[in-house]
Amino acid sequence: MEHTTPPKQLRSFGGMVGGIFLLIALWPLVIHGRPARWWALSLSTLLIVPAIIQPRWLGPLYRAWMWLGVWMGWINT
């Protein structure tokens, strides 16, 4: 049986992780007046845009993220 993740959860994942990358991207610009981190801005765009347009596109990335979390939890205990 295959588990499907609800679009609302995928949207939340894309918005949250994309938002964190957006903060990382804009921090030097806002705080220090230095250029933004373009790599982080690119990652935030790649997460936030699909979260808004088609959350199902984030399904494989979400499953990999959850698998990594389970694996790290197993190592930690």
N, C-alpha and C. Protein backbone atom coordinates (compact mmCIF):
# COMPACT_ATOMS: atom_id res chain seq x y z
N MET A 1 0.84 -1.18 0.00
CA MET A 1 0.00 0.00 0.00
C MET A 1 0.89 1.24 0.00
N GLU A 2 0.62 2.14 -0.91
CA GLU A 2 1.41 3.36 -1.02
C GLU A 2 0.75 4.48 -0.24
N HIS A 3 1.56 5.20 0.51
CA HIS A 3 1.06 6.33 1.29
C HIS A 3 1.16 7.60 0.46
N THR A 4 0.08 8.34 0.37
CA THR A 4 0.12 9.62 -0.33
C THR A 4 0.05 10.74 0.68
N THR A 5 0.87 11.73 0.48
CA THR A 5 0.93 12.88 1.38
C THR A 5 -0.08 13.91 0.90
N PRO A 6 -0.90 14.44 1.80
CA PRO A 6 -1.89 15.44 1.39
C PRO A 6 -1.22 16.71 0.85
N PRO A 7 -1.82 17.34 -0.15
CA PRO A 7 -1.25 18.57 -0.72
C PRO A 7 -1.03 19.67 0.32
N LYS A 8 -1.89 19.73 1.31
CA LYS A 8 -1.73 20.76 2.35
C LYS A 8 -0.41 20.57 3.10
N GLN A 9 -0.05 19.32 3.37
CA GLN A 9 1.20 19.04 4.07
C GLN A 9 2.41 19.34 3.17
N LEU A 10 2.30 19.02 1.89
CA LEU A 10 3.38 19.32 0.95
C LEU A 10 3.54 20.83 0.79
N ARG A 11 2.43 21.55 0.75
CA ARG A 11 2.47 23.01 0.65
C ARG A 11 3.16 23.61 1.88
N SER A 12 2.83 23.08 3.04
CA SER A 12 3.44 23.54 4.28
C SER A 12 4.95 23.26 4.29
N PHE A 13 5.33 22.08 3.84
CA PHE A 13 6.75 21.71 3.77
C PHE A 13 7.51 22.66 2.84
N GLY A 14 6.98 22.88 1.64
CA GLY A 14 7.64 23.76 0.67
C GLY A 14 7.74 25.19 1.17
N GLY A 15 6.68 25.67 1.80
CA GLY A 15 6.69 27.03 2.32
C GLY A 15 7.65 27.20 3.48
N MET A 16 7.69 26.23 4.37
CA MET A 16 8.56 26.33 5.55
C MET A 16 10.04 26.22 5.17
N VAL A 17 10.39 25.18 4.44
CA VAL A 17 11.80 24.99 4.07
C VAL A 17 12.24 26.09 3.09
N GLY A 18 11.36 26.44 2.16
CA GLY A 18 11.67 27.54 1.24
C GLY A 18 11.82 28.86 1.97
N GLY A 19 11.00 29.09 2.99
CA GLY A 19 11.10 30.31 3.78
C GLY A 19 12.42 30.38 4.54
N ILE A 20 12.88 29.24 5.05
CA ILE A 20 14.17 29.22 5.75
C ILE A 20 15.30 29.56 4.78
N PHE A 21 15.25 29.00 3.57
CA PHE A 21 16.27 29.33 2.58
C PHE A 21 16.17 30.80 2.16
N LEU A 22 14.96 31.35 2.13
CA LEU A 22 14.79 32.76 1.80
C LEU A 22 15.43 33.64 2.88
N LEU A 23 15.26 33.28 4.14
CA LEU A 23 15.92 34.02 5.22
C LEU A 23 17.44 33.94 5.10
N ILE A 24 17.95 32.76 4.80
CA ILE A 24 19.40 32.60 4.61
C ILE A 24 19.87 33.46 3.45
N ALA A 25 19.08 33.54 2.39
CA ALA A 25 19.46 34.32 1.21
C ALA A 25 19.49 35.81 1.48
N LEU A 26 18.50 36.31 2.20
CA LEU A 26 18.36 37.76 2.37
C LEU A 26 19.06 38.31 3.60
N TRP A 27 19.49 37.47 4.51
CA TRP A 27 20.13 37.92 5.75
C TRP A 27 21.32 38.86 5.50
N PRO A 28 22.29 38.50 4.65
CA PRO A 28 23.42 39.41 4.44
C PRO A 28 22.99 40.75 3.85
N LEU A 29 22.00 40.74 2.98
CA LEU A 29 21.53 41.97 2.34
C LEU A 29 20.87 42.89 3.35
N VAL A 30 19.99 42.36 4.17
CA VAL A 30 19.22 43.18 5.11
C VAL A 30 20.08 43.62 6.30
N ILE A 31 20.86 42.74 6.86
CA ILE A 31 21.60 43.04 8.08
C ILE A 31 22.92 43.77 7.80
N HIS A 32 23.67 43.32 6.80
CA HIS A 32 25.01 43.85 6.57
C HIS A 32 25.16 44.67 5.30
N GLY A 33 24.13 44.74 4.48
CA GLY A 33 24.22 45.49 3.23
C GLY A 33 25.07 44.80 2.17
N ARG A 34 25.31 43.52 2.34
CA ARG A 34 26.09 42.75 1.37
C ARG A 34 25.15 42.09 0.37
N PRO A 35 25.71 41.56 -0.71
CA PRO A 35 24.85 40.89 -1.70
C PRO A 35 24.13 39.67 -1.11
N ALA A 36 22.97 39.40 -1.67
CA ALA A 36 22.19 38.23 -1.24
C ALA A 36 22.91 36.96 -1.66
N ARG A 37 22.61 35.89 -0.96
CA ARG A 37 23.16 34.58 -1.32
C ARG A 37 22.27 33.98 -2.40
N TRP A 38 22.77 33.97 -3.62
CA TRP A 38 21.94 33.56 -4.76
C TRP A 38 21.62 32.08 -4.75
N TRP A 39 22.51 31.25 -4.21
CA TRP A 39 22.24 29.82 -4.16
C TRP A 39 21.04 29.54 -3.26
N ALA A 40 20.96 30.25 -2.13
CA ALA A 40 19.84 30.05 -1.21
C ALA A 40 18.56 30.64 -1.80
N LEU A 41 18.68 31.75 -2.51
CA LEU A 41 17.51 32.34 -3.16
C LEU A 41 16.96 31.40 -4.24
N SER A 42 17.86 30.75 -4.96
CA SER A 42 17.43 29.78 -5.98
C SER A 42 16.71 28.59 -5.35
N LEU A 43 17.27 28.07 -4.26
CA LEU A 43 16.62 26.94 -3.58
C LEU A 43 15.26 27.34 -3.02
N SER A 44 15.16 28.53 -2.47
CA SER A 44 13.87 28.97 -1.92
C SER A 44 12.84 29.08 -3.04
N THR A 45 13.25 29.59 -4.19
CA THR A 45 12.33 29.69 -5.33
C THR A 45 11.89 28.31 -5.80
N LEU A 46 12.85 27.37 -5.85
CA LEU A 46 12.53 26.01 -6.29
C LEU A 46 11.60 25.28 -5.33
N LEU A 47 11.50 25.75 -4.10
CA LEU A 47 10.60 25.13 -3.13
C LEU A 47 9.27 25.87 -3.01
N ILE A 48 9.31 27.19 -2.99
CA ILE A 48 8.10 27.98 -2.76
C ILE A 48 7.18 27.98 -3.97
N VAL A 49 7.74 28.12 -5.17
CA VAL A 49 6.89 28.18 -6.37
C VAL A 49 6.10 26.88 -6.57
N PRO A 50 6.71 25.70 -6.50
CA PRO A 50 5.90 24.48 -6.61
C PRO A 50 4.90 24.32 -5.47
N ALA A 51 5.25 24.80 -4.28
CA ALA A 51 4.33 24.70 -3.15
C ALA A 51 3.05 25.48 -3.44
N ILE A 52 3.17 26.57 -4.16
CA ILE A 52 2.00 27.39 -4.50
C ILE A 52 1.27 26.82 -5.72
N ILE A 53 2.03 26.46 -6.76
CA ILE A 53 1.42 26.06 -8.03
C ILE A 53 0.94 24.61 -8.02
N GLN A 54 1.83 23.68 -7.68
CA GLN A 54 1.52 22.24 -7.73
C GLN A 54 2.27 21.51 -6.62
N PRO A 55 1.69 21.45 -5.42
CA PRO A 55 2.39 20.85 -4.27
C PRO A 55 2.83 19.40 -4.49
N ARG A 56 2.14 18.65 -5.32
CA ARG A 56 2.49 17.24 -5.54
C ARG A 56 3.90 17.07 -6.10
N TRP A 57 4.42 18.10 -6.77
CA TRP A 57 5.78 18.03 -7.30
C TRP A 57 6.80 17.88 -6.18
N LEU A 58 6.45 18.29 -4.98
CA LEU A 58 7.37 18.21 -3.85
C LEU A 58 7.33 16.85 -3.15
N GLY A 59 6.47 15.95 -3.60
CA GLY A 59 6.30 14.65 -2.96
C GLY A 59 7.59 13.86 -2.79
N PRO A 60 8.38 13.64 -3.85
CA PRO A 60 9.62 12.86 -3.69
C PRO A 60 10.62 13.53 -2.74
N LEU A 61 10.73 14.84 -2.82
CA LEU A 61 11.63 15.56 -1.92
C LEU A 61 11.16 15.45 -0.48
N TYR A 62 9.85 15.53 -0.26
CA TYR A 62 9.28 15.41 1.08
C TYR A 62 9.54 14.01 1.66
N ARG A 63 9.34 12.98 0.84
CA ARG A 63 9.59 11.62 1.31
C ARG A 63 11.06 11.41 1.66
N ALA A 64 11.96 11.96 0.84
CA ALA A 64 13.39 11.85 1.14
C ALA A 64 13.73 12.59 2.44
N TRP A 65 13.13 13.75 2.64
CA TRP A 65 13.35 14.54 3.86
C TRP A 65 12.87 13.76 5.09
N MET A 66 11.71 13.14 4.99
CA MET A 66 11.17 12.36 6.11
C MET A 66 12.01 11.12 6.37
N TRP A 67 12.48 10.47 5.31
CA TRP A 67 13.34 9.31 5.47
C TRP A 67 14.63 9.71 6.19
N LEU A 68 15.20 10.85 5.81
CA LEU A 68 16.40 11.35 6.47
C LEU A 68 16.14 11.62 7.95
N GLY A 69 14.98 12.19 8.27
CA GLY A 69 14.62 12.45 9.65
C GLY A 69 14.48 11.17 10.46
N VAL A 70 13.87 10.15 9.89
CA VAL A 70 13.73 8.86 10.58
C VAL A 70 15.10 8.24 10.80
N TRP A 71 15.94 8.29 9.79
CA TRP A 71 17.28 7.73 9.88
C TRP A 71 18.10 8.45 10.96
N MET A 72 18.04 9.78 10.98
CA MET A 72 18.78 10.54 11.99
C MET A 72 18.22 10.27 13.39
N GLY A 73 16.91 10.09 13.51
CA GLY A 73 16.31 9.75 14.79
C GLY A 73 16.78 8.39 15.28
N TRP A 74 16.91 7.44 14.35
CA TRP A 74 17.38 6.11 14.72
C TRP A 74 18.82 6.17 15.21
N ILE A 75 19.65 6.97 14.53
CA ILE A 75 21.06 7.11 14.93
C ILE A 75 21.16 7.79 16.29
N ASN A 76 20.30 8.75 16.54
CA ASN A 76 20.34 9.53 17.78
C ASN A 76 19.94 8.73 19.01
N THR A 77 19.15 7.68 18.82
CA THR A 77 18.67 6.94 19.99
C THR A 77 19.51 5.74 20.32
